[in-house]
Amino acid sequence: MSEQTLACPVCRAELIHSGTNLRCSAGHSFDRARQGYWNLLLVQKKRSKDPGDNAEMVQARREFLDQGYYQTLSDAVNNLAADSLKDIHTPKIMDMGCGEGYYTNRLHQALVDNHSSPQLSALDISKHAVKAACRRNKQIQWMVASGADMPLPADSQDLLCVLFSRLMPEPFARVLKPGGLLLIAWPGEKHLIELRQQIYDEVRNSTFDPIEQLSEQFEPVSQQQVSYPFTLQRGDDIQALLGMTPHSQRLAGDKRARLDALDSLPLTLDVNLALLRKKAD
C-alpha cells in the first residue's frame, strides 16, 4: 500500500512511519490498530465518549449499501472523480466522512481500473465505521480523525470527496493543493421522499445551498443530478435503510408499526453532485 504522508494532530509536524507506529519530531506517537487503521482523533477533540455513528447504524448502512441500491450513484461519483483526475497518474485523495467505506472502496477500484495509482486516504470520526471500512480494502489508508482538523499536510490533496457530510470550507481549503478539487454530494428535494412522507406529517423542502456556503473558498466547476426510482424488496432492507438514517429516531410508534409491516417500498434516489475548485489565495 502506498500511504500518504500524514500530519501530527497535536503539532502539525510530519508523521514518520516506523512499522506499526507513527511518530513526529516532537515525540508524539500513534499506533496502528490491529484492524489496520490509524487513530488520530485526540481525546480532547471528542465531543462525546463514542462520537459519530454507533455500531448499529454502521451495520445497518453496510447491509443496505451492499444490496446495490446506490451503486448507480457510486458509479456517477467515480466517473466524476476519474475524469477530474485523468491527467494525474498518482493522485492524492481524501474521502472525508467515509463511513463504513462503501463509496471509498468502489472509488479506489474504479481509479485502479482506469490505470491510475491513487494514494487514497479516508477518515471518519466514528471508530465503528472505520473498523468496518478496514474490512473492505487494505489498500486504502483508513483513519479515525476529525474532518475539522484533518491530519494532512496543507496544500497536499488533489481531490477531497465529501459525500453527505458536514461542510467545513476552511479545513477543506487548507488540505487541497492550489487549484485542487472538491467533490460533494447532498440530497435533492425528492431524495427518499416516499419514506419521509411515511414518517413526517409535513415534508418540508430544504433551503440548503452548499455552493453558496463554500463560495468564499471555492468556485463551481460542474454540477449534476443523479435521480432514479428503486424498490426495496425485503422488509430487512427497509429496516436497514431506517437504521442508517436519522429519520428512525423521530418515528412515532404507529408509523414505525406501519413501516414494520411493509415487505416492499418504492423509493426515489435524488442526489446532487458538484465539483468545485479551490480559489487562488
C-alpha atoms as a PDB file:
ATOM      1  CA  MET A   1       0.000   0.000   0.000  1.00  0.00           C
ATOM      2  CA  SER A   2       1.276   3.453  -0.949  1.00  0.00           C
ATOM      3  CA  GLU A   3       0.390   5.605   2.056  1.00  0.00           C
ATOM      4  CA  GLN A   4       0.227   9.362   2.140  1.00  0.00           C
ATOM      5  CA  THR A   5       2.349  11.410   4.492  1.00  0.00           C
ATOM      6  CA  LEU A   6       0.256  12.431   7.480  1.00  0.00           C
ATOM      7  CA  ALA A   7       0.489  15.407   9.827  1.00  0.00           C
ATOM      8  CA  CYS A   8       0.555  15.128  13.602  1.00  0.00           C
ATOM      9  CA  PRO A   9      -2.865  16.106  15.000  1.00  0.00           C
ATOM     10  CA  VAL A  10      -1.133  17.675  18.012  1.00  0.00           C
ATOM     11  CA  CYS A  11       1.546  19.889  16.439  1.00  0.00           C
ATOM     12  CA  ARG A  12       1.064  19.518  12.640  1.00  0.00           C
ATOM     13  CA  ALA A  13       4.625  18.191  12.155  1.00  0.00           C
ATOM     14  CA  GLU A  14       5.160  15.388   9.647  1.00  0.00           C
ATOM     15  CA  LEU A  15       4.471  11.894  10.965  1.00  0.00           C
ATOM     16  CA  ILE A  16       7.142   9.324  10.148  1.00  0.00           C
ATOM     17  CA  HIS A  17       6.306   5.636   9.684  1.00  0.00           C
ATOM     18  CA  SER A  18       8.096   3.123  11.843  1.00  0.00           C
ATOM     19  CA  GLY A  19       6.441  -0.261  11.389  1.00  0.00           C
ATOM     20  CA  THR A  20       3.058  -0.066  13.086  1.00  0.00           C
ATOM     21  CA  ASN A  21       3.805   3.319  14.618  1.00  0.00           C
ATOM     22  CA  LEU A  22       3.682   6.949  13.548  1.00  0.00           C
ATOM     23  CA  ARG A  23       5.906   9.486  15.308  1.00  0.00           C
ATOM     24  CA  CYS A  24       6.621  13.185  14.764  1.00  0.00           C
ATOM     25  CA  SER A  25       9.778  15.162  15.557  1.00  0.00           C
ATOM     26  CA  ALA A  26       8.179  16.427  18.780  1.00  0.00           C
ATOM     27  CA  GLY A  27       7.757  12.855  20.033  1.00  0.00           C
ATOM     28  CA  HIS A  28       4.002  12.485  19.610  1.00  0.00           C
ATOM     29  CA  SER A  29       3.330   8.848  18.793  1.00  0.00           C
ATOM     30  CA  PHE A  30       0.376   6.903  17.367  1.00  0.00           C
ATOM     31  CA  ASP A  31      -0.028   3.144  16.916  1.00  0.00           C
ATOM     32  CA  ARG A  32      -1.817   1.364  14.106  1.00  0.00           C
ATOM     33  CA  ALA A  33      -4.876  -0.554  15.336  1.00  0.00           C
ATOM     34  CA  ARG A  34      -4.882  -4.291  14.710  1.00  0.00           C
ATOM     35  CA  GLN A  35      -7.643  -3.808  12.115  1.00  0.00           C
ATOM     36  CA  GLY A  36      -5.225  -1.625  10.120  1.00  0.00           C
ATOM     37  CA  TYR A  37      -6.373   1.960  10.747  1.00  0.00           C
ATOM     38  CA  TRP A  38      -4.658   4.891  12.454  1.00  0.00           C
ATOM     39  CA  ASN A  39      -6.449   6.509  15.402  1.00  0.00           C
ATOM     40  CA  LEU A  40      -5.572  10.196  15.125  1.00  0.00           C
ATOM     41  CA  LEU A  41      -8.589  11.587  16.975  1.00  0.00           C
ATOM     42  CA  LEU A  42      -7.344  13.331  20.091  1.00  0.00           C
ATOM     43  CA  VAL A  43      -9.297  12.693  23.286  1.00  0.00           C
ATOM     44  CA  GLN A  44      -9.689  16.427  23.910  1.00  0.00           C
ATOM     45  CA  LYS A  45     -11.254  16.838  20.439  1.00  0.00           C
ATOM     46  CA  LYS A  46     -14.031  14.336  21.120  1.00  0.00           C
ATOM     47  CA  ARG A  47     -17.451  15.812  21.856  1.00  0.00           C
ATOM     48  CA  SER A  48     -18.608  12.548  23.397  1.00  0.00           C
ATOM     49  CA  LYS A  49     -17.102   9.287  24.627  1.00  0.00           C
ATOM     50  CA  ASP A  50     -18.075   7.488  21.413  1.00  0.00           C
ATOM     51  CA  PRO A  51     -18.518  10.116  18.657  1.00  0.00           C
ATOM     52  CA  GLY A  52     -20.092   9.540  15.264  1.00  0.00           C
ATOM     53  CA  ASP A  53     -22.277   6.677  14.109  1.00  0.00           C
ATOM     54  CA  ASN A  54     -22.710   3.850  16.586  1.00  0.00           C
ATOM     55  CA  ALA A  55     -22.150   0.179  15.766  1.00  0.00           C
ATOM     56  CA  GLU A  56     -25.820  -0.447  14.963  1.00  0.00           C
ATOM     57  CA  MET A  57     -26.027   2.423  12.452  1.00  0.00           C
ATOM     58  CA  VAL A  58     -22.783   1.298  10.797  1.00  0.00           C
ATOM     59  CA  GLN A  59     -24.051  -2.261  10.423  1.00  0.00           C
ATOM     60  CA  ALA A  60     -27.378  -1.069   9.014  1.00  0.00           C
ATOM     61  CA  ARG A  61     -25.620   1.162   6.474  1.00  0.00           C
ATOM     62  CA  ARG A  62     -23.302  -1.653   5.408  1.00  0.00           C
ATOM     63  CA  GLU A  63     -26.201  -4.092   4.983  1.00  0.00           C
ATOM     64  CA  PHE A  64     -28.199  -1.578   2.940  1.00  0.00           C
ATOM     65  CA  LEU A  65     -25.403  -0.342   0.679  1.00  0.00           C
ATOM     66  CA  ASP A  66     -24.183  -3.859  -0.061  1.00  0.00           C
ATOM     67  CA  GLN A  67     -27.556  -4.584  -1.705  1.00  0.00           C
ATOM     68  CA  GLY A  68     -26.517  -2.267  -4.570  1.00  0.00           C
ATOM     69  CA  TYR A  69     -29.401   0.207  -4.431  1.00  0.00           C
ATOM     70  CA  TYR A  70     -26.957   3.146  -4.538  1.00  0.00           C
ATOM     71  CA  GLN A  71     -24.475   1.616  -6.999  1.00  0.00           C
ATOM     72  CA  THR A  72     -25.573   3.936  -9.829  1.00  0.00           C
ATOM     73  CA  LEU A  73     -24.872   6.919  -7.572  1.00  0.00           C
ATOM     74  CA  SER A  74     -21.490   5.468  -6.640  1.00  0.00           C
ATOM     75  CA  ASP A  75     -20.676   4.981 -10.332  1.00  0.00           C
ATOM     76  CA  ALA A  76     -21.517   8.639 -11.025  1.00  0.00           C
ATOM     77  CA  VAL A  77     -19.190   9.749  -8.220  1.00  0.00           C
ATOM     78  CA  ASN A  78     -16.433   7.505  -9.573  1.00  0.00           C
ATOM     79  CA  ASN A  79     -16.817   8.764 -13.148  1.00  0.00           C
ATOM     80  CA  LEU A  80     -16.683  12.370 -11.995  1.00  0.00           C
ATOM     81  CA  ALA A  81     -13.599  11.737  -9.880  1.00  0.00           C
ATOM     82  CA  ALA A  82     -11.806   9.714 -12.562  1.00  0.00           C
ATOM     83  CA  ASP A  83     -12.457  12.347 -15.225  1.00  0.00           C
ATOM     84  CA  SER A  84     -11.235  15.166 -12.989  1.00  0.00           C
ATOM     85  CA  LEU A  85      -8.021  13.253 -12.177  1.00  0.00           C
ATOM     86  CA  LYS A  86      -7.311  11.825 -15.640  1.00  0.00           C
ATOM     87  CA  ASP A  87      -4.099  13.822 -16.073  1.00  0.00           C
ATOM     88  CA  ILE A  88      -2.630  12.821 -12.678  1.00  0.00           C
ATOM     89  CA  HIS A  89      -1.150   9.319 -12.525  1.00  0.00           C
ATOM     90  CA  THR A  90      -0.737   9.178  -8.740  1.00  0.00           C
ATOM     91  CA  PRO A  91      -3.395  11.484  -7.314  1.00  0.00           C
ATOM     92  CA  LYS A  92      -3.614  12.200  -3.605  1.00  0.00           C
ATOM     93  CA  ILE A  93      -7.229  11.870  -2.481  1.00  0.00           C
ATOM     94  CA  MET A  94      -9.008  12.175   0.859  1.00  0.00           C
ATOM     95  CA  ASP A  95     -12.534  10.858   1.429  1.00  0.00           C
ATOM     96  CA  MET A  96     -13.775  12.821   4.428  1.00  0.00           C
ATOM     97  CA  GLY A  97     -16.642  11.257   6.351  1.00  0.00           C
ATOM     98  CA  CYS A  98     -16.095   7.893   4.664  1.00  0.00           C
ATOM     99  CA  GLY A  99     -18.478   5.944   6.899  1.00  0.00           C
ATOM    100  CA  GLU A 100     -18.153   2.189   6.512  1.00  0.00           C
ATOM    101  CA  GLY A 101     -16.233   2.568   3.269  1.00  0.00           C
ATOM    102  CA  TYR A 102     -18.688   1.575   0.526  1.00  0.00           C
ATOM    103  CA  TYR A 103     -18.087   4.629  -1.683  1.00  0.00           C
ATOM    104  CA  THR A 104     -14.361   4.822  -0.851  1.00  0.00           C
ATOM    105  CA  ASN A 105     -13.709   1.215  -1.784  1.00  0.00           C
ATOM    106  CA  ARG A 106     -15.584   1.479  -5.077  1.00  0.00           C
ATOM    107  CA  LEU A 107     -13.773   4.752  -5.890  1.00  0.00           C
ATOM    108  CA  HIS A 108     -10.407   3.067  -5.337  1.00  0.00           C
ATOM    109  CA  GLN A 109     -11.384   0.140  -7.564  1.00  0.00           C
ATOM    110  CA  ALA A 110     -12.644   2.471 -10.313  1.00  0.00           C
ATOM    111  CA  LEU A 111      -9.454   4.542 -10.329  1.00  0.00           C
ATOM    112  CA  VAL A 112      -7.238   1.456 -10.441  1.00  0.00           C
ATOM    113  CA  ASP A 113      -9.357   0.053 -13.285  1.00  0.00           C
ATOM    114  CA  ASN A 114      -8.772   3.408 -15.019  1.00  0.00           C
ATOM    115  CA  HIS A 115      -4.994   2.808 -14.855  1.00  0.00           C
ATOM    116  CA  SER A 116      -4.451   5.254 -12.021  1.00  0.00           C
ATOM    117  CA  SER A 117      -2.289   4.636  -8.936  1.00  0.00           C
ATOM    118  CA  PRO A 118      -4.188   6.621  -6.298  1.00  0.00           C
ATOM    119  CA  GLN A 119      -2.919   7.409  -2.843  1.00  0.00           C
ATOM    120  CA  LEU A 120      -6.344   7.252  -1.251  1.00  0.00           C
ATOM    121  CA  SER A 121      -6.890   8.133   2.392  1.00  0.00           C
ATOM    122  CA  ALA A 122     -10.211   8.144   4.215  1.00  0.00           C
ATOM    123  CA  LEU A 123     -11.358   9.294   7.616  1.00  0.00           C
ATOM    124  CA  ASP A 124     -14.395   9.239   9.818  1.00  0.00           C
ATOM    125  CA  ILE A 125     -14.954  10.332  13.389  1.00  0.00           C
ATOM    126  CA  SER A 126     -16.708   7.025  14.144  1.00  0.00           C
ATOM    127  CA  LYS A 127     -14.355   4.244  15.231  1.00  0.00           C
ATOM    128  CA  HIS A 128     -17.091   1.699  14.455  1.00  0.00           C
ATOM    129  CA  ALA A 129     -17.341   2.963  10.861  1.00  0.00           C
ATOM    130  CA  VAL A 130     -13.594   2.888  10.250  1.00  0.00           C
ATOM    131  CA  LYS A 131     -13.251  -0.605  11.720  1.00  0.00           C
ATOM    132  CA  ALA A 132     -15.885  -1.784   9.232  1.00  0.00           C
ATOM    133  CA  ALA A 133     -14.219   0.121   6.384  1.00  0.00           C
ATOM    134  CA  CYS A 134     -10.889  -1.632   7.019  1.00  0.00           C
ATOM    135  CA  ARG A 135     -12.510  -4.914   6.053  1.00  0.00           C
ATOM    136  CA  ARG A 136     -13.397  -3.595   2.598  1.00  0.00           C
ATOM    137  CA  ASN A 137      -9.960  -2.668   1.259  1.00  0.00           C
ATOM    138  CA  LYS A 138      -6.462  -2.872   2.746  1.00  0.00           C
ATOM    139  CA  GLN A 139      -5.033  -0.609   0.013  1.00  0.00           C
ATOM    140  CA  ILE A 140      -6.727   2.466   1.488  1.00  0.00           C
ATOM    141  CA  GLN A 141      -5.188   4.462   4.328  1.00  0.00           C
ATOM    142  CA  TRP A 142      -8.032   4.479   6.868  1.00  0.00           C
ATOM    143  CA  MET A 143      -8.051   6.677   9.955  1.00  0.00           C
ATOM    144  CA  VAL A 144     -10.252   7.772  12.819  1.00  0.00           C
ATOM    145  CA  ALA A 145      -9.937  11.546  12.800  1.00  0.00           C
ATOM    146  CA  SER A 146     -11.851  14.806  12.737  1.00  0.00           C
ATOM    147  CA  GLY A 147     -12.819  16.400   9.442  1.00  0.00           C
ATOM    148  CA  ALA A 148     -12.451  19.783  11.107  1.00  0.00           C
ATOM    149  CA  ASP A 149      -8.769  19.046  11.747  1.00  0.00           C
ATOM    150  CA  MET A 150      -7.691  16.567   9.078  1.00  0.00           C
ATOM    151  CA  PRO A 151      -4.237  15.076   9.837  1.00  0.00           C
ATOM    152  CA  LEU A 152      -2.885  16.001   6.408  1.00  0.00           C
ATOM    153  CA  PRO A 153      -0.221  18.496   5.327  1.00  0.00           C
ATOM    154  CA  ALA A 154      -1.528  21.790   3.991  1.00  0.00           C
ATOM    155  CA  ASP A 155      -1.874  22.062   0.203  1.00  0.00           C
ATOM    156  CA  SER A 156      -1.365  18.301  -0.245  1.00  0.00           C
ATOM    157  CA  GLN A 157      -4.520  16.848  -1.848  1.00  0.00           C
ATOM    158  CA  ASP A 158      -5.563  16.756  -5.487  1.00  0.00           C
ATOM    159  CA  LEU A 159      -9.155  15.788  -4.642  1.00  0.00           C
ATOM    160  CA  LEU A 160     -11.275  15.910  -1.497  1.00  0.00           C
ATOM    161  CA  CYS A 161     -14.501  13.864  -1.514  1.00  0.00           C
ATOM    162  CA  VAL A 162     -17.277  14.851   0.889  1.00  0.00           C
ATOM    163  CA  LEU A 163     -20.367  12.705   0.399  1.00  0.00           C
ATOM    164  CA  PHE A 164     -23.342  13.599   2.625  1.00  0.00           C
ATOM    165  CA  SER A 165     -21.056  15.053   5.299  1.00  0.00           C
ATOM    166  CA  ARG A 166     -20.900  18.419   7.034  1.00  0.00           C
ATOM    167  CA  LEU A 167     -19.320  21.215   5.017  1.00  0.00           C
ATOM    168  CA  MET A 168     -16.306  22.943   6.563  1.00  0.00           C
ATOM    169  CA  PRO A 169     -14.954  25.356   3.952  1.00  0.00           C
ATOM    170  CA  GLU A 170     -11.745  26.442   5.705  1.00  0.00           C
ATOM    171  CA  PRO A 171     -10.492  22.931   6.646  1.00  0.00           C
ATOM    172  CA  PHE A 172     -11.355  21.741   3.135  1.00  0.00           C
ATOM    173  CA  ALA A 173      -9.385  24.549   1.505  1.00  0.00           C
ATOM    174  CA  ARG A 174      -6.411  24.057   3.828  1.00  0.00           C
ATOM    175  CA  VAL A 175      -5.646  20.483   2.734  1.00  0.00           C
ATOM    176  CA  LEU A 176      -6.235  20.954  -1.015  1.00  0.00           C
ATOM    177  CA  LYS A 177      -3.445  21.907  -3.383  1.00  0.00           C
ATOM    178  CA  PRO A 178      -3.777  25.250  -5.185  1.00  0.00           C
ATOM    179  CA  GLY A 179      -6.439  24.562  -7.787  1.00  0.00           C
ATOM    180  CA  GLY A 180      -7.335  21.278  -6.068  1.00  0.00           C
ATOM    181  CA  LEU A 181     -10.842  19.881  -6.463  1.00  0.00           C
ATOM    182  CA  LEU A 182     -13.681  19.272  -4.019  1.00  0.00           C
ATOM    183  CA  LEU A 183     -16.370  16.711  -4.900  1.00  0.00           C
ATOM    184  CA  ILE A 184     -19.527  16.963  -2.806  1.00  0.00           C
ATOM    185  CA  ALA A 185     -22.832  15.069  -2.687  1.00  0.00           C
ATOM    186  CA  TRP A 186     -26.023  16.181  -0.955  1.00  0.00           C
ATOM    187  CA  PRO A 187     -29.692  15.086  -1.042  1.00  0.00           C
ATOM    188  CA  GLY A 188     -32.020  16.560  -3.646  1.00  0.00           C
ATOM    189  CA  GLU A 189     -35.588  17.639  -2.925  1.00  0.00           C
ATOM    190  CA  LYS A 190     -37.073  14.239  -3.843  1.00  0.00           C
ATOM    191  CA  HIS A 191     -34.483  12.050  -2.111  1.00  0.00           C
ATOM    192  CA  LEU A 192     -36.325   9.254  -0.279  1.00  0.00           C
ATOM    193  CA  ILE A 193     -39.453  11.415  -0.439  1.00  0.00           C
ATOM    194  CA  GLU A 194     -41.704   8.353  -0.086  1.00  0.00           C
ATOM    195  CA  LEU A 195     -40.014   7.346   3.168  1.00  0.00           C
ATOM    196  CA  ARG A 196     -40.167  10.877   4.539  1.00  0.00           C
ATOM    197  CA  GLN A 197     -43.881  11.030   3.715  1.00  0.00           C
ATOM    198  CA  GLN A 198     -44.373   7.870   5.757  1.00  0.00           C
ATOM    199  CA  ILE A 199     -42.551   9.391   8.752  1.00  0.00           C
ATOM    200  CA  TYR A 200     -43.494  13.081   8.840  1.00  0.00           C
ATOM    201  CA  ASP A 201     -46.904  14.712   8.814  1.00  0.00           C
ATOM    202  CA  GLU A 202     -45.404  17.558   6.766  1.00  0.00           C
ATOM    203  CA  VAL A 203     -42.382  17.158   4.484  1.00  0.00           C
ATOM    204  CA  ARG A 204     -40.541  20.456   4.156  1.00  0.00           C
ATOM    205  CA  ASN A 205     -38.240  21.403   1.296  1.00  0.00           C
ATOM    206  CA  SER A 206     -34.648  22.121   2.256  1.00  0.00           C
ATOM    207  CA  THR A 207     -33.076  25.541   1.686  1.00  0.00           C
ATOM    208  CA  PHE A 208     -29.552  24.116   1.924  1.00  0.00           C
ATOM    209  CA  ASP A 209     -27.212  25.648  -0.692  1.00  0.00           C
ATOM    210  CA  PRO A 210     -23.727  24.128  -0.422  1.00  0.00           C
ATOM    211  CA  ILE A 211     -22.361  26.068  -3.414  1.00  0.00           C
ATOM    212  CA  GLU A 212     -23.156  29.324  -1.629  1.00  0.00           C
ATOM    213  CA  GLN A 213     -21.806  28.018   1.674  1.00  0.00           C
ATOM    214  CA  LEU A 214     -18.474  27.184   0.014  1.00  0.00           C
ATOM    215  CA  SER A 215     -18.300  30.246  -2.245  1.00  0.00           C
ATOM    216  CA  GLU A 216     -15.629  32.160  -0.323  1.00  0.00           C
ATOM    217  CA  GLN A 217     -13.011  29.425  -0.776  1.00  0.00           C
ATOM    218  CA  PHE A 218     -14.290  27.529  -3.849  1.00  0.00           C
ATOM    219  CA  GLU A 219     -15.621  28.198  -7.336  1.00  0.00           C
ATOM    220  CA  PRO A 220     -18.041  25.769  -9.043  1.00  0.00           C
ATOM    221  CA  VAL A 221     -16.774  23.659 -11.941  1.00  0.00           C
ATOM    222  CA  SER A 222     -19.767  21.433 -12.670  1.00  0.00           C
ATOM    223  CA  GLN A 223     -22.977  20.157 -11.128  1.00  0.00           C
ATOM    224  CA  GLN A 224     -25.227  17.199 -11.931  1.00  0.00           C
ATOM    225  CA  GLN A 225     -28.251  15.402 -10.547  1.00  0.00           C
ATOM    226  CA  VAL A 226     -28.469  11.644 -10.082  1.00  0.00           C
ATOM    227  CA  SER A 227     -32.106  10.613  -9.824  1.00  0.00           C
ATOM    228  CA  TYR A 228     -33.849   7.266 -10.320  1.00  0.00           C
ATOM    229  CA  PRO A 229     -36.607   5.108  -8.809  1.00  0.00           C
ATOM    230  CA  PHE A 230     -35.865   1.878  -6.992  1.00  0.00           C
ATOM    231  CA  THR A 231     -37.825  -0.514  -4.807  1.00  0.00           C
ATOM    232  CA  LEU A 232     -36.800  -2.174  -1.568  1.00  0.00           C
ATOM    233  CA  GLN A 233     -37.947  -5.781  -1.996  1.00  0.00           C
ATOM    234  CA  ARG A 234     -37.465  -7.058   1.553  1.00  0.00           C
ATOM    235  CA  GLY A 235     -38.557  -5.953   4.992  1.00  0.00           C
ATOM    236  CA  ASP A 236     -34.934  -6.339   6.130  1.00  0.00           C
ATOM    237  CA  ASP A 237     -33.829  -3.748   3.581  1.00  0.00           C
ATOM    238  CA  ILE A 238     -36.473  -1.298   4.785  1.00  0.00           C
ATOM    239  CA  GLN A 239     -35.259  -1.747   8.356  1.00  0.00           C
ATOM    240  CA  ALA A 240     -31.613  -1.327   7.267  1.00  0.00           C
ATOM    241  CA  LEU A 241     -32.453   1.931   5.480  1.00  0.00           C
ATOM    242  CA  LEU A 242     -34.309   3.181   8.526  1.00  0.00           C
ATOM    243  CA  GLY A 243     -31.438   2.180  10.783  1.00  0.00           C
ATOM    244  CA  MET A 244     -28.839   4.098   8.789  1.00  0.00           C
ATOM    245  CA  THR A 245     -30.741   7.392   8.722  1.00  0.00           C
ATOM    246  CA  PRO A 246     -31.598   9.876  11.484  1.00  0.00           C
ATOM    247  CA  HIS A 247     -35.256   9.532  10.457  1.00  0.00           C
ATOM    248  CA  SER A 248     -35.598   6.378  12.551  1.00  0.00           C
ATOM    249  CA  GLN A 249     -35.001   8.365  15.733  1.00  0.00           C
ATOM    250  CA  ARG A 250     -38.058  10.521  15.021  1.00  0.00           C
ATOM    251  CA  LEU A 251     -40.526   7.737  14.298  1.00  0.00           C
ATOM    252  CA  ALA A 252     -43.778   7.716  16.215  1.00  0.00           C
ATOM    253  CA  GLY A 253     -44.894   4.274  17.379  1.00  0.00           C
ATOM    254  CA  ASP A 254     -47.815   3.936  14.973  1.00  0.00           C
ATOM    255  CA  LYS A 255     -45.692   4.949  11.978  1.00  0.00           C
ATOM    256  CA  ARG A 256     -42.941   2.518  12.920  1.00  0.00           C
ATOM    257  CA  ALA A 257     -45.527  -0.261  13.142  1.00  0.00           C
ATOM    258  CA  ARG A 258     -46.793   0.633   9.663  1.00  0.00           C
ATOM    259  CA  LEU A 259     -43.274   0.527   8.218  1.00  0.00           C
ATOM    260  CA  ASP A 260     -42.516  -2.700  10.066  1.00  0.00           C
ATOM    261  CA  ALA A 261     -45.481  -4.313   8.315  1.00  0.00           C
ATOM    262  CA  LEU A 262     -44.229  -3.495   4.802  1.00  0.00           C
ATOM    263  CA  ASP A 263     -42.371  -6.099   2.749  1.00  0.00           C
ATOM    264  CA  SER A 264     -41.585  -3.717  -0.139  1.00  0.00           C
ATOM    265  CA  LEU A 265     -41.227   0.049  -0.515  1.00  0.00           C
ATOM    266  CA  PRO A 266     -40.901   2.082  -3.774  1.00  0.00           C
ATOM    267  CA  LEU A 267     -38.441   4.954  -3.346  1.00  0.00           C
ATOM    268  CA  THR A 268     -36.694   7.740  -5.243  1.00  0.00           C
ATOM    269  CA  LEU A 269     -32.979   8.390  -5.131  1.00  0.00           C
ATOM    270  CA  ASP A 270     -32.317  12.065  -5.816  1.00  0.00           C
ATOM    271  CA  VAL A 271     -28.787  13.302  -5.135  1.00  0.00           C
ATOM    272  CA  ASN A 272     -26.845  16.360  -6.284  1.00  0.00           C
ATOM    273  CA  LEU A 273     -23.158  16.091  -7.170  1.00  0.00           C
ATOM    274  CA  ALA A 274     -20.905  19.087  -7.622  1.00  0.00           C
ATOM    275  CA  LEU A 275     -17.258  19.603  -8.419  1.00  0.00           C
ATOM    276  CA  LEU A 276     -15.626  22.782  -7.115  1.00  0.00           C
ATOM    277  CA  ARG A 277     -12.129  24.201  -7.452  1.00  0.00           C
ATOM    278  CA  LYS A 278     -10.121  25.815  -4.665  1.00  0.00           C
ATOM    279  CA  LYS A 279      -9.730  29.511  -5.382  1.00  0.00           C
ATOM    280  CA  ALA A 280      -6.325  31.117  -5.635  1.00  0.00           C
ATOM    281  CA  ASP A 281      -5.248  32.953  -2.495  1.00  0.00           C
END
